[in-house]
C-alpha atoms as a PDB file:
ATOM      1  CA  MET A   1       0.034   0.003   0.010  1.00  0.00           C
ATOM      2  CA  LYS A   2       1.246   3.514  -0.824  1.00  0.00           C
ATOM      3  CA  VAL A   3      -0.210   6.683   0.592  1.00  0.00           C
ATOM      4  CA  CYS A   4       0.707  10.373  -0.068  1.00  0.00           C
ATOM      5  CA  VAL A   5      -0.419  13.316   2.065  1.00  0.00           C
ATOM      6  CA  SER A   6       0.151  17.056   2.285  1.00  0.00           C
ATOM      7  CA  ILE A   7      -0.346  19.220   5.348  1.00  0.00           C
ATOM      8  CA  ASP A   8      -1.303  22.780   4.522  1.00  0.00           C
ATOM      9  CA  CYS A   9      -0.130  25.005   7.316  1.00  0.00           C
ATOM     10  CA  GLU A  10       0.800  28.659   7.479  1.00  0.00           C
ATOM     11  CA  SER A  11       3.182  29.011   4.613  1.00  0.00           C
ATOM     12  CA  PRO A  12       5.771  31.626   3.735  1.00  0.00           C
ATOM     13  CA  GLY A  13       3.551  32.850   0.936  1.00  0.00           C
ATOM     14  CA  PRO A  14       1.722  32.091  -2.252  1.00  0.00           C
ATOM     15  CA  THR A  15       3.350  30.372  -5.207  1.00  0.00           C
ATOM     16  CA  GLY A  16       2.486  33.180  -7.572  1.00  0.00           C
ATOM     17  CA  ASN A  17      -0.778  31.654  -8.722  1.00  0.00           C
ATOM     18  CA  GLY A  18      -2.623  32.364  -5.464  1.00  0.00           C
ATOM     19  CA  GLU A  19      -2.072  28.923  -4.039  1.00  0.00           C
ATOM     20  CA  VAL A  20      -0.227  28.314  -0.776  1.00  0.00           C
ATOM     21  CA  PRO A  21       2.178  25.332  -0.965  1.00  0.00           C
ATOM     22  CA  PRO A  22       2.213  22.788   1.904  1.00  0.00           C
ATOM     23  CA  LEU A  23       5.085  23.005   4.379  1.00  0.00           C
ATOM     24  CA  VAL A  24       5.062  19.262   5.126  1.00  0.00           C
ATOM     25  CA  SER A  25       4.303  16.369   2.798  1.00  0.00           C
ATOM     26  CA  GLY A  26       4.286  12.683   3.552  1.00  0.00           C
ATOM     27  CA  TYR A  27       4.405   9.303   1.944  1.00  0.00           C
ATOM     28  CA  SER A  28       4.057   5.756   3.232  1.00  0.00           C
ATOM     29  CA  GLU A  29       4.770   2.323   1.824  1.00  0.00           C
ATOM     30  CA  THR A  30       4.938  -1.209   3.183  1.00  0.00           C
ATOM     31  CA  VAL A  31       8.265  -3.071   2.851  1.00  0.00           C
ATOM     32  CA  GLY A  32       9.428  -6.615   3.391  1.00  0.00           C
ATOM     33  CA  ASP A  33       9.648  -9.663   1.196  1.00  0.00           C
ATOM     34  CA  GLY A  34      11.239 -12.244   3.502  1.00  0.00           C
ATOM     35  CA  THR A  35      14.494 -12.195   1.522  1.00  0.00           C
ATOM     36  CA  ASN A  36      16.017  -8.779   1.043  1.00  0.00           C
ATOM     37  CA  THR A  37      17.445  -6.561   3.794  1.00  0.00           C
ATOM     38  CA  SER A  38      17.644  -3.388   1.623  1.00  0.00           C
ATOM     39  CA  PHE A  39      14.682  -1.452   0.211  1.00  0.00           C
ATOM     40  CA  THR A  40      14.572   1.719  -1.843  1.00  0.00           C
ATOM     41  CA  VAL A  41      11.522   3.859  -1.089  1.00  0.00           C
ATOM     42  CA  THR A  42      10.758   6.296  -3.886  1.00  0.00           C
ATOM     43  CA  HIS A  43       8.634   8.924  -2.144  1.00  0.00           C
ATOM     44  CA  GLY A  44       8.639  11.654  -4.831  1.00  0.00           C
ATOM     45  CA  LEU A  45       8.511  14.464  -2.280  1.00  0.00           C
ATOM     46  CA  ASP A  46      11.303  16.523  -3.852  1.00  0.00           C
ATOM     47  CA  SER A  47      13.081  17.512  -0.614  1.00  0.00           C
ATOM     48  CA  ASP A  48      16.471  17.209   0.992  1.00  0.00           C
ATOM     49  CA  PHE A  49      14.851  17.464   4.439  1.00  0.00           C
ATOM     50  CA  VAL A  50      13.187  14.069   5.119  1.00  0.00           C
ATOM     51  CA  VAL A  51      12.463  12.084   8.320  1.00  0.00           C
ATOM     52  CA  THR A  52      11.513   8.406   8.330  1.00  0.00           C
ATOM     53  CA  SER A  53       9.541   6.324  10.816  1.00  0.00           C
ATOM     54  CA  VAL A  54       8.972   2.557  10.729  1.00  0.00           C
ATOM     55  CA  ARG A  55       5.831   0.817  12.076  1.00  0.00           C
ATOM     56  CA  HIS A  56       5.384  -2.898  12.634  1.00  0.00           C
ATOM     57  CA  VAL A  57       2.313  -3.737  10.539  1.00  0.00           C
ATOM     58  CA  PRO A  58       1.028  -6.910  12.295  1.00  0.00           C
ATOM     59  CA  SER A  59       0.939  -5.220  15.753  1.00  0.00           C
ATOM     60  CA  GLY A  60       0.540  -1.599  14.678  1.00  0.00           C
ATOM     61  CA  GLU A  61       3.332  -0.648  17.096  1.00  0.00           C
ATOM     62  CA  ILE A  62       6.253   1.645  16.392  1.00  0.00           C
ATOM     63  CA  ARG A  63       8.977  -0.746  17.372  1.00  0.00           C
ATOM     64  CA  ASN A  64      12.589  -0.085  18.175  1.00  0.00           C
ATOM     65  CA  VAL A  65      13.540  -1.073  14.630  1.00  0.00           C
ATOM     66  CA  SER A  66      16.358   1.094  13.392  1.00  0.00           C
ATOM     67  CA  PRO A  67      17.156   0.371   9.820  1.00  0.00           C
ATOM     68  CA  ALA A  68      19.992   2.449   8.491  1.00  0.00           C
ATOM     69  CA  VAL A  69      18.470   5.175   6.348  1.00  0.00           C
ATOM     70  CA  THR A  70      20.339   6.696   3.445  1.00  0.00           C
ATOM     71  CA  VAL A  71      18.953   9.645   1.493  1.00  0.00           C
ATOM     72  CA  LEU A  72      19.703   8.773  -2.095  1.00  0.00           C
ATOM     73  CA  ASP A  73      18.293  11.928  -3.688  1.00  0.00           C
ATOM     74  CA  ARG A  74      15.453  14.419  -3.263  1.00  0.00           C
ATOM     75  CA  ASN A  75      12.913  11.694  -4.094  1.00  0.00           C
ATOM     76  CA  SER A  76      14.139   8.447  -2.552  1.00  0.00           C
ATOM     77  CA  VAL A  77      15.696   6.835   0.525  1.00  0.00           C
ATOM     78  CA  ARG A  78      17.231   3.430   1.118  1.00  0.00           C
ATOM     79  CA  LEU A  79      16.457   1.391   4.250  1.00  0.00           C
ATOM     80  CA  ASP A  80      18.899  -1.272   5.293  1.00  0.00           C
ATOM     81  CA  PHE A  81      17.601  -3.724   7.908  1.00  0.00           C
ATOM     82  CA  SER A  82      19.883  -6.078   9.907  1.00  0.00           C
ATOM     83  CA  ALA A  83      17.573  -9.009   9.120  1.00  0.00           C
ATOM     84  CA  ALA A  84      15.130  -9.553   6.238  1.00  0.00           C
ATOM     85  CA  PRO A  85      11.638  -8.373   7.155  1.00  0.00           C
ATOM     86  CA  SER A  86       8.821 -10.780   6.365  1.00  0.00           C
ATOM     87  CA  VAL A  87       6.335  -9.920   3.555  1.00  0.00           C
ATOM     88  CA  ASP A  88       4.912  -6.416   4.144  1.00  0.00           C
ATOM     89  CA  GLU A  89       6.095  -6.542   7.812  1.00  0.00           C
ATOM     90  CA  TYR A  90       6.809  -2.779   8.106  1.00  0.00           C
ATOM     91  CA  SER A  91       5.201   0.451   7.022  1.00  0.00           C
ATOM     92  CA  VAL A  92       7.699   3.169   6.280  1.00  0.00           C
ATOM     93  CA  TYR A  93       6.600   6.733   6.685  1.00  0.00           C
ATOM     94  CA  VAL A  94       8.566   9.552   5.084  1.00  0.00           C
ATOM     95  CA  LEU A  95       7.868  13.172   5.996  1.00  0.00           C
ATOM     96  CA  ALA A  96       9.414  15.958   3.980  1.00  0.00           C
ATOM     97  CA  LEU A  97       9.813  19.626   4.883  1.00  0.00           C
ATOM     98  CA  LYS A  98       9.356  22.001   1.948  1.00  0.00           C
ATOM     99  CA  MET A  99      11.550  25.023   2.264  1.00  0.00           C
END
């Protein structure tokens, strides 16, 4: 499952066409296939300022799972787990600050 969200808050100003851009945007995706330990998440948020959070899908808990996160570019991150997650075991949430 993939989900994209935008949070429209007080913004520095209009974009020129009267619209106010969101300050924070988000994306989520489930990862895990029982084999691989590395997953590239292409979030498409176009930001250098991203934060990730990982939630255990079966329990709904935010567990103390700390995959190494590498920002690959403005639109993708790589998560490296120490052990291969089972199929769709984790939801990865990416939040991006628009500056």
